[in-house]
C-alpha cells in the first residue's frame, strides 16, 4: 500500500465518519417522501376510478 493510497483511505474514513449521520438522515427523508408520493398516487387513482 502506497502512502498516497493510505492517505486517501484515511480521508475517506474521516469524511464517512463526519457526514455519515447526515447522509443516513437524508436517505430516510427521501424514502419517506417517496412513500408519501406513492400513497398520494394510489389515493388519486382510487378517486378517479382507476385500478
C-alpha atoms as a PDB file:
ATOM      1  CA  UNK A   1       0.000   0.000   0.000  1.00  0.00           C
ATOM      2  CA  UNK A   2       1.452   3.313  -1.028  1.00  0.00           C
ATOM      3  CA  UNK A   3       1.407   6.318   1.250  1.00  0.00           C
ATOM      4  CA  UNK A   4      -0.880   8.136  -1.195  1.00  0.00           C
ATOM      5  CA  UNK A   5      -3.422   5.296  -1.083  1.00  0.00           C
ATOM      6  CA  UNK A   6      -3.207   5.202   2.706  1.00  0.00           C
ATOM      7  CA  UNK A   7      -3.808   8.952   2.866  1.00  0.00           C
ATOM      8  CA  UNK A   8      -6.807   8.674   0.540  1.00  0.00           C
ATOM      9  CA  UNK A   9      -8.290   5.905   2.679  1.00  0.00           C
ATOM     10  CA  UNK A  10      -7.836   7.935   5.856  1.00  0.00           C
ATOM     11  CA  UNK A  11      -9.565  10.935   4.270  1.00  0.00           C
ATOM     12  CA  UNK A  12     -12.393   8.697   3.051  1.00  0.00           C
ATOM     13  CA  UNK A  13     -12.862   7.250   6.536  1.00  0.00           C
ATOM     14  CA  UNK A  14     -12.926  10.728   8.092  1.00  0.00           C
ATOM     15  CA  UNK A  15     -15.448  12.019   5.553  1.00  0.00           C
ATOM     16  CA  UNK A  16     -17.682   8.990   6.119  1.00  0.00           C
ATOM     17  CA  UNK A  17     -17.428   9.496   9.879  1.00  0.00           C
ATOM     18  CA  UNK A  18     -18.276  13.209   9.735  1.00  0.00           C
ATOM     19  CA  UNK A  19     -21.031  13.133   7.115  1.00  0.00           C
ATOM     20  CA  UNK A  20     -22.342   9.597   7.685  1.00  0.00           C
ATOM     21  CA  UNK A  21     -25.177  10.523  10.042  1.00  0.00           C
ATOM     22  CA  UNK A  22     -26.315  13.368   7.779  1.00  0.00           C
ATOM     23  CA  UNK A  23     -26.328  11.070   4.758  1.00  0.00           C
ATOM     24  CA  UNK A  24     -28.437   8.489   6.591  1.00  0.00           C
ATOM     25  CA  UNK A  25     -30.920  11.167   7.685  1.00  0.00           C
ATOM     26  CA  UNK A  26     -31.149  12.454   4.115  1.00  0.00           C
ATOM     27  CA  UNK A  27     -31.802   8.952   2.764  1.00  0.00           C
ATOM     28  CA  UNK A  28     -34.548   8.442   5.345  1.00  0.00           C
ATOM     29  CA  UNK A  29     -36.218  11.704   4.323  1.00  0.00           C
ATOM     30  CA  UNK A  30     -36.008  10.773   0.646  1.00  0.00           C
ATOM     31  CA  UNK A  31     -37.550   7.366   1.356  1.00  0.00           C
ATOM     32  CA  UNK A  32     -40.371   8.975   3.343  1.00  0.00           C
ATOM     33  CA  UNK A  33     -41.050  11.427   0.509  1.00  0.00           C
ATOM     34  CA  UNK A  34     -41.209   8.514  -1.944  1.00  0.00           C
ATOM     35  CA  UNK A  35     -43.705   6.675   0.243  1.00  0.00           C
ATOM     36  CA  UNK A  36     -45.868   9.791   0.570  1.00  0.00           C
ATOM     37  CA  UNK A  37     -45.824  10.282  -3.203  1.00  0.00           C
ATOM     38  CA  UNK A  38     -46.806   6.650  -3.764  1.00  0.00           C
ATOM     39  CA  UNK A  39     -49.687   6.810  -1.291  1.00  0.00           C
ATOM     40  CA  UNK A  40     -50.858  10.075  -2.832  1.00  0.00           C
ATOM     41  CA  UNK A  41     -50.800   8.493  -6.289  1.00  0.00           C
ATOM     42  CA  UNK A  42     -52.759   5.459  -5.087  1.00  0.00           C
ATOM     43  CA  UNK A  43     -55.477   7.548  -3.456  1.00  0.00           C
ATOM     44  CA  UNK A  44     -55.695   9.797  -6.523  1.00  0.00           C
ATOM     45  CA  UNK A  45     -56.246   6.777  -8.767  1.00  0.00           C
ATOM     46  CA  UNK A  46     -58.949   5.417  -6.448  1.00  0.00           C
ATOM     47  CA  UNK A  47     -60.848   8.726  -6.531  1.00  0.00           C
ATOM     48  CA  UNK A  48     -60.689   8.847 -10.346  1.00  0.00           C
ATOM     49  CA  UNK A  49     -61.933   5.269 -10.734  1.00  0.00           C
ATOM     50  CA  UNK A  50     -58.556   3.858 -11.708  1.00  0.00           C
ATOM     51  CA  UNK A  51     -57.197   0.471 -10.873  1.00  0.00           C
END
